[in-house]
Structure formats: C-alpha cells, structure tokens
Amino acid sequence: MSSRVALVTGAGSGIGAGTAQSLAALGHRVAVVDRSDRAHAVAEQINTSGGTAVAVLADISEPDAVTRAVAEVTAALGPVEILVNNAGFARDNPVLDMPLADWDAVMATHLRGAFLMLKAVGPAMRDAGWGRVVNISSISALVDDERANYVAAKAGLEGFTRATALDLAPFGITVNAVGPGVVQTEMTKVSAARAGRTLDEHLEVQRRSIPVGRTGTPHDIARAVLFFAAEDADYVTGQVIYVSGGPHG
C-alpha cells in the first residue's frame, strides 16, 4: 500500500484516535484533527511509535477553521488523499424536549462538517485523480429513540455518502461509510449516564443484545475504514457497512 496523507476528524479520542493510529501503522502520514488538545497526545503517540502525524485543532463546523486546518495539514504533510469524517457527538432528548441549539449543533458537526471537509480537500483529490473518503455513520442511522438530531444527522450522512460517491466517481475518488454499533468510547459513557447505569452495567446490557457476544472497540471500526481506504478498493463506492457484531439494515 502506498504511503498517503490521511486526515481524520474527531481524532483526539475513541474511534477517531483508533483510526488515526491504524492508518499510521500502515505507513500513512496522518493529520489528527480535533477541537480538543487531546489531538496532540494522539499525534505524539503515533510519532513515538515510528509513524508520522501532526495535530491540528479545529472546529470543523466553521468554514474558516476548516480552510485553515487543511492549509496547515497540506503544508506539513502534503495534499490530503484520505479523508475520514469522524467528528461528532450526541445531545440526546425526546424530540419535543429538544432545544433548537442541540439540533443545530449536532447537524453542524456531523453534516455541515463533513461537507466543509470534503469541499476543502476534494479539489486536490480530483486533480490527482485519486481519493478516499470514509464517513463514520452509526447503526442509529436506522432508528433510535430520544435522539432525533443524531439519527437524522447520521441518516443524512449516509445519503451524503451515496450522493457524493456518484459525483466523485469519475475522478477516481470513492466515498463510503462505516456505521459502528456499540463501541467503548467517551460517547458510551454519556449513553450509560442517560440510561441511569454505570458504564460497566451499560456495556453488559448492550453485550447481551449483540450476536457475537461482545461490544466493539475503536480498532474494530478502524479495520473497516482501512478496507475502504485501500488502493485496491476502487470498485467499492457509495456503500455503508455496519460494524456492530450482528446484522443490521
């Protein structure tokens, strides 16, 4: 596999960090992009392990921040060739109790952010005739309760994946999505608290509903991202794969 420049959003922890580490382990130069300064720790770990990474702090829902971040990455590593739109968070509430600000914030990061990032890195991919875009969705895109903003954002991201795959296929750019199931991340702690459980109790409840008998890890998701990002995955585009320990869809 050729060494490429990869940019992962929301890479300061969880699935994003695991994906950045996995890409670096294959020899890719990785931009660890996050709103939090935790991005520095992830980049340092990659560099200490013999990889190449830079940390960039940015709110990817803001156009100017995206432009600046991509310029910084390009100057440090070269044009972005692999984009992983992972940044996101949940602000759950029953729909009739959901503040407009929570609806807008979730949409801004998941959907607006993915659009802005693709707009920023896509021209260089088009000019090079090669690119890989992987959007991180969720099994919640299918249905979930008391999180209409998150469900709508993830379902929208899957529609965005299919539409942009059609637009970009003539330029050698593939666009696919990975939909995680229950994965042990910071967001899982939020879900546990929302359910009135400790993290261990919540994971045990979730585990019992998963056919393979365990919850996921960030690296389970990263392995699917690596498939979509591969050189020889050029005949696969516009697809969504759920990595959830069981069948979904």
Protein backbone atom coordinates (compact mmCIF):
# COMPACT_ATOMS: atom_id res chain seq x y z
CA MET A 1 0.00 0.00 0.00
CA SER A 2 1.39 3.40 -0.97
CA SER A 3 2.00 5.93 1.77
CA ARG A 4 -0.76 8.53 1.59
CA VAL A 5 -1.74 11.64 3.52
CA ALA A 6 -4.76 10.93 5.71
CA LEU A 7 -6.85 13.41 7.68
CA VAL A 8 -9.10 12.14 10.46
CA THR A 9 -11.55 14.47 12.18
CA GLY A 10 -12.56 13.94 15.78
CA ALA A 11 -9.29 12.05 16.18
CA GLY A 12 -8.49 13.13 19.71
CA SER A 13 -10.13 10.06 21.22
CA GLY A 14 -12.28 6.99 20.57
CA ILE A 15 -12.93 5.82 17.04
CA GLY A 16 -11.07 8.75 15.53
CA ALA A 17 -7.92 8.08 17.55
CA GLY A 18 -8.05 4.36 16.77
CA THR A 19 -8.48 5.10 13.08
CA ALA A 20 -5.60 7.59 13.04
CA GLN A 21 -3.35 5.07 14.79
CA SER A 22 -4.33 2.28 12.40
CA LEU A 23 -3.71 4.42 9.32
CA ALA A 24 -0.32 5.45 10.68
CA ALA A 25 0.58 1.81 11.38
CA LEU A 26 0.17 1.15 7.64
CA GLY A 27 2.65 3.92 6.85
CA HIS A 28 0.26 6.76 6.08
CA ARG A 29 1.07 10.29 7.22
CA VAL A 30 -1.80 11.31 9.45
CA ALA A 31 -3.37 14.62 10.43
CA VAL A 32 -5.08 14.27 13.81
CA VAL A 33 -7.81 16.93 13.74
CA ASP A 34 -9.92 17.68 16.79
CA ARG A 35 -11.44 20.59 18.72
CA SER A 36 -9.66 19.35 21.84
CA ASP A 37 -5.94 19.48 22.57
CA ARG A 38 -6.17 15.71 23.08
CA ALA A 39 -5.17 15.63 19.41
CA HIS A 40 -1.60 16.41 20.48
CA ALA A 41 -1.40 13.29 22.65
CA VAL A 42 -2.65 11.07 19.81
CA ALA A 43 -0.18 12.58 17.33
CA GLU A 44 2.65 12.22 19.86
CA GLN A 45 1.80 8.56 20.41
CA ILE A 46 1.88 7.94 16.65
CA ASN A 47 5.21 9.72 16.24
CA THR A 48 6.72 7.92 19.23
CA SER A 49 5.66 4.61 17.67
CA GLY A 50 7.57 5.41 14.49
CA GLY A 51 4.74 6.89 12.45
CA THR A 52 4.23 10.39 11.12
CA ALA A 53 1.45 12.59 12.46
CA VAL A 54 0.59 16.21 13.10
CA ALA A 55 -2.08 17.54 15.43
CA VAL A 56 -4.39 20.30 14.22
CA LEU A 57 -7.02 21.95 16.42
CA ALA A 58 -10.16 23.00 14.55
CA ASP A 59 -13.94 23.18 14.82
CA ILE A 60 -14.89 21.55 11.55
CA SER A 61 -18.33 23.16 11.56
CA GLU A 62 -16.68 26.54 10.87
CA PRO A 63 -15.61 27.25 7.25
CA ASP A 64 -12.62 29.42 8.17
CA ALA A 65 -11.37 26.82 10.64
CA VAL A 66 -11.61 24.09 8.02
CA THR A 67 -9.75 26.17 5.44
CA ARG A 68 -7.00 26.94 7.93
CA ALA A 69 -6.75 23.31 9.11
CA VAL A 70 -6.45 21.88 5.60
CA ALA A 71 -3.83 24.50 4.67
CA GLU A 72 -1.85 23.58 7.79
CA VAL A 73 -2.05 19.86 7.02
CA THR A 74 -1.07 20.38 3.38
CA ALA A 75 1.95 22.46 4.38
CA ALA A 76 3.09 19.86 6.90
CA LEU A 77 2.31 16.58 5.12
CA GLY A 78 1.12 17.29 1.57
CA PRO A 79 -2.32 17.28 -0.07
CA VAL A 80 -4.91 15.16 1.72
CA GLU A 81 -5.62 11.89 -0.10
CA ILE A 82 -7.66 10.02 2.53
CA LEU A 83 -10.39 11.85 4.46
CA VAL A 84 -12.15 10.25 7.41
CA ASN A 85 -15.13 12.31 8.58
CA ASN A 86 -15.47 11.01 12.11
CA ALA A 87 -16.11 14.10 14.25
CA GLY A 88 -19.40 14.07 16.08
CA PHE A 89 -21.19 13.97 19.39
CA ALA A 90 -24.64 13.33 20.84
CA ARG A 91 -27.03 15.68 22.62
CA ASP A 92 -29.96 13.41 23.30
CA ASN A 93 -33.50 14.32 24.29
CA PRO A 94 -37.03 13.35 23.31
CA VAL A 95 -37.81 15.35 20.20
CA LEU A 96 -40.45 17.57 21.84
CA ASP A 97 -37.98 18.50 24.58
CA MET A 98 -35.00 19.02 22.28
CA PRO A 99 -33.58 22.56 22.25
CA LEU A 100 -33.02 24.04 18.81
CA ALA A 101 -29.41 24.68 19.79
CA ASP A 102 -28.85 20.94 20.31
CA TRP A 103 -30.42 20.11 16.95
CA ASP A 104 -28.26 22.69 15.19
CA ALA A 105 -25.04 21.73 16.97
CA VAL A 106 -25.32 18.04 16.07
CA MET A 107 -26.20 18.82 12.45
CA ALA A 108 -23.38 21.34 12.19
CA THR A 109 -20.65 18.91 13.15
CA HIS A 110 -21.91 15.69 11.56
CA LEU A 111 -23.30 17.03 8.27
CA ARG A 112 -22.02 20.56 7.75
CA GLY A 113 -18.57 19.47 8.93
CA ALA A 114 -18.41 16.55 6.50
CA PHE A 115 -19.50 18.83 3.65
CA LEU A 116 -16.95 21.51 4.52
CA MET A 117 -14.11 19.00 4.84
CA LEU A 118 -14.93 17.38 1.51
CA LYS A 119 -15.14 20.78 -0.19
CA ALA A 120 -11.73 21.66 1.24
CA VAL A 121 -9.82 18.51 0.30
CA GLY A 122 -11.81 17.33 -2.72
CA PRO A 123 -10.22 19.60 -5.37
CA ALA A 124 -6.74 18.22 -4.66
CA MET A 125 -8.08 14.66 -4.87
CA ARG A 126 -9.80 15.48 -8.16
CA ASP A 127 -6.62 16.99 -9.58
CA ALA A 128 -4.63 13.92 -8.53
CA GLY A 129 -7.23 11.51 -9.91
CA TRP A 130 -7.30 9.58 -6.63
CA GLY A 131 -9.01 9.92 -3.28
CA ARG A 132 -10.70 8.03 -0.49
CA VAL A 133 -13.45 9.48 1.68
CA VAL A 134 -14.86 7.48 4.59
CA ASN A 135 -17.73 8.89 6.63
CA ILE A 136 -18.39 7.50 10.10
CA SER A 137 -22.13 6.92 10.50
CA SER A 138 -23.84 4.73 13.11
CA ILE A 139 -26.42 1.99 13.41
CA SER A 140 -28.50 4.80 14.91
CA ALA A 141 -29.00 5.99 11.34
CA LEU A 142 -31.53 3.17 11.07
CA VAL A 143 -33.55 4.14 14.15
CA ASP A 144 -33.04 5.08 17.79
CA ASP A 145 -35.17 6.66 20.48
CA GLU A 146 -34.84 10.10 22.09
CA ARG A 147 -32.08 11.25 19.74
CA ALA A 148 -33.83 12.57 16.64
CA ASN A 149 -31.00 15.01 15.91
CA TYR A 150 -28.34 12.29 15.98
CA VAL A 151 -30.44 9.82 13.96
CA ALA A 152 -31.23 12.47 11.34
CA ALA A 153 -27.61 13.56 11.14
CA LYS A 154 -26.31 10.02 10.65
CA ALA A 155 -29.02 9.11 8.15
CA GLY A 156 -28.21 12.32 6.32
CA LEU A 157 -24.53 11.41 6.33
CA GLU A 158 -25.35 8.10 4.66
CA GLY A 159 -27.37 9.92 1.99
CA PHE A 160 -24.48 12.36 1.58
CA THR A 161 -22.17 9.36 1.12
CA ARG A 162 -24.23 7.92 -1.73
CA ALA A 163 -24.77 11.27 -3.47
CA THR A 164 -21.13 12.34 -3.35
CA ALA A 165 -19.99 8.88 -4.46
CA LEU A 166 -21.86 9.48 -7.72
CA ASP A 167 -20.46 12.99 -8.12
CA LEU A 168 -16.85 11.98 -7.48
CA ALA A 169 -16.57 8.54 -9.10
CA PRO A 170 -15.39 9.97 -12.46
CA PHE A 171 -12.38 11.49 -10.70
CA GLY A 172 -11.08 8.32 -9.07
CA ILE A 173 -12.50 9.28 -5.67
CA THR A 174 -14.52 6.75 -3.68
CA VAL A 175 -16.90 7.70 -0.87
CA ASN A 176 -18.13 5.12 1.63
CA ALA A 177 -19.43 4.99 5.19
CA VAL A 178 -18.89 2.83 8.25
CA GLY A 179 -21.70 2.53 10.79
CA PRO A 180 -20.45 1.47 14.23
CA GLY A 181 -22.60 -0.34 16.71
CA VAL A 182 -21.86 -0.21 20.46
CA VAL A 183 -18.23 0.84 20.80
CA GLN A 184 -16.46 1.68 24.03
CA THR A 185 -15.77 5.43 23.73
CA GLU A 186 -16.48 8.62 25.66
CA MET A 187 -19.91 8.74 24.00
CA THR A 188 -20.70 5.36 25.56
CA LYS A 189 -20.24 6.91 28.99
CA VAL A 190 -22.78 9.59 28.06
CA SER A 191 -25.23 6.92 26.90
CA ALA A 192 -24.75 4.99 30.14
CA ALA A 193 -25.44 8.06 32.24
CA ARG A 194 -28.53 8.81 30.16
CA ALA A 195 -29.80 5.29 30.87
CA GLY A 196 -29.09 5.65 34.61
CA ARG A 197 -26.41 2.95 34.60
CA THR A 198 -22.73 2.71 35.39
CA LEU A 199 -20.52 2.21 32.34
CA ASP A 200 -19.94 -1.47 33.21
CA GLU A 201 -23.66 -2.08 33.70
CA HIS A 202 -24.44 -0.37 30.40
CA LEU A 203 -21.84 -2.36 28.48
CA GLU A 204 -23.17 -5.61 29.94
CA VAL A 205 -26.73 -4.76 28.93
CA GLN A 206 -25.53 -3.92 25.42
CA ARG A 207 -23.33 -7.01 25.21
CA ARG A 208 -26.27 -9.32 25.82
CA SER A 209 -28.03 -7.92 22.73
CA ILE A 210 -25.04 -8.34 20.39
CA PRO A 211 -24.91 -11.66 18.49
CA VAL A 212 -21.11 -12.01 18.64
CA GLY A 213 -21.24 -11.58 22.42
CA ARG A 214 -19.06 -8.52 22.93
CA THR A 215 -19.05 -4.77 22.45
CA GLY A 216 -16.80 -3.14 19.90
CA THR A 217 -13.52 -1.27 20.13
CA PRO A 218 -12.28 1.68 18.08
CA HIS A 219 -9.94 -0.64 16.22
CA ASP A 220 -12.87 -2.80 15.08
CA ILE A 221 -14.17 0.27 13.28
CA ALA A 222 -10.74 1.25 12.04
CA ARG A 223 -10.33 -2.06 10.22
CA ALA A 224 -13.40 -1.32 8.10
CA VAL A 225 -12.08 2.19 7.40
CA LEU A 226 -8.78 0.69 6.25
CA PHE A 227 -10.62 -1.50 3.76
CA PHE A 228 -12.43 1.46 2.20
CA ALA A 229 -9.18 3.48 2.16
CA ALA A 230 -7.17 0.78 0.40
CA GLU A 231 -5.61 1.21 -3.02
CA ASP A 232 -7.47 -1.80 -4.42
CA ALA A 233 -10.90 -0.82 -3.03
CA ASP A 234 -11.51 1.39 -6.07
CA TYR A 235 -14.52 -0.65 -7.24
CA VAL A 236 -16.39 -0.06 -3.98
CA THR A 237 -18.12 3.29 -3.57
CA GLY A 238 -21.38 4.67 -2.21
CA GLN A 239 -21.61 1.83 0.32
CA VAL A 240 -22.45 1.68 4.01
CA ILE A 241 -21.13 -1.17 6.15
CA TYR A 242 -22.37 -1.63 9.71
CA VAL A 243 -19.69 -2.87 12.09
CA SER A 244 -21.83 -3.89 15.02
CA GLY A 245 -21.39 -7.56 15.88
CA GLY A 246 -24.56 -8.55 14.05
CA PRO A 247 -26.74 -7.94 11.02
CA HIS A 248 -28.37 -4.54 10.52
CA GLY A 249 -30.17 -2.86 7.67
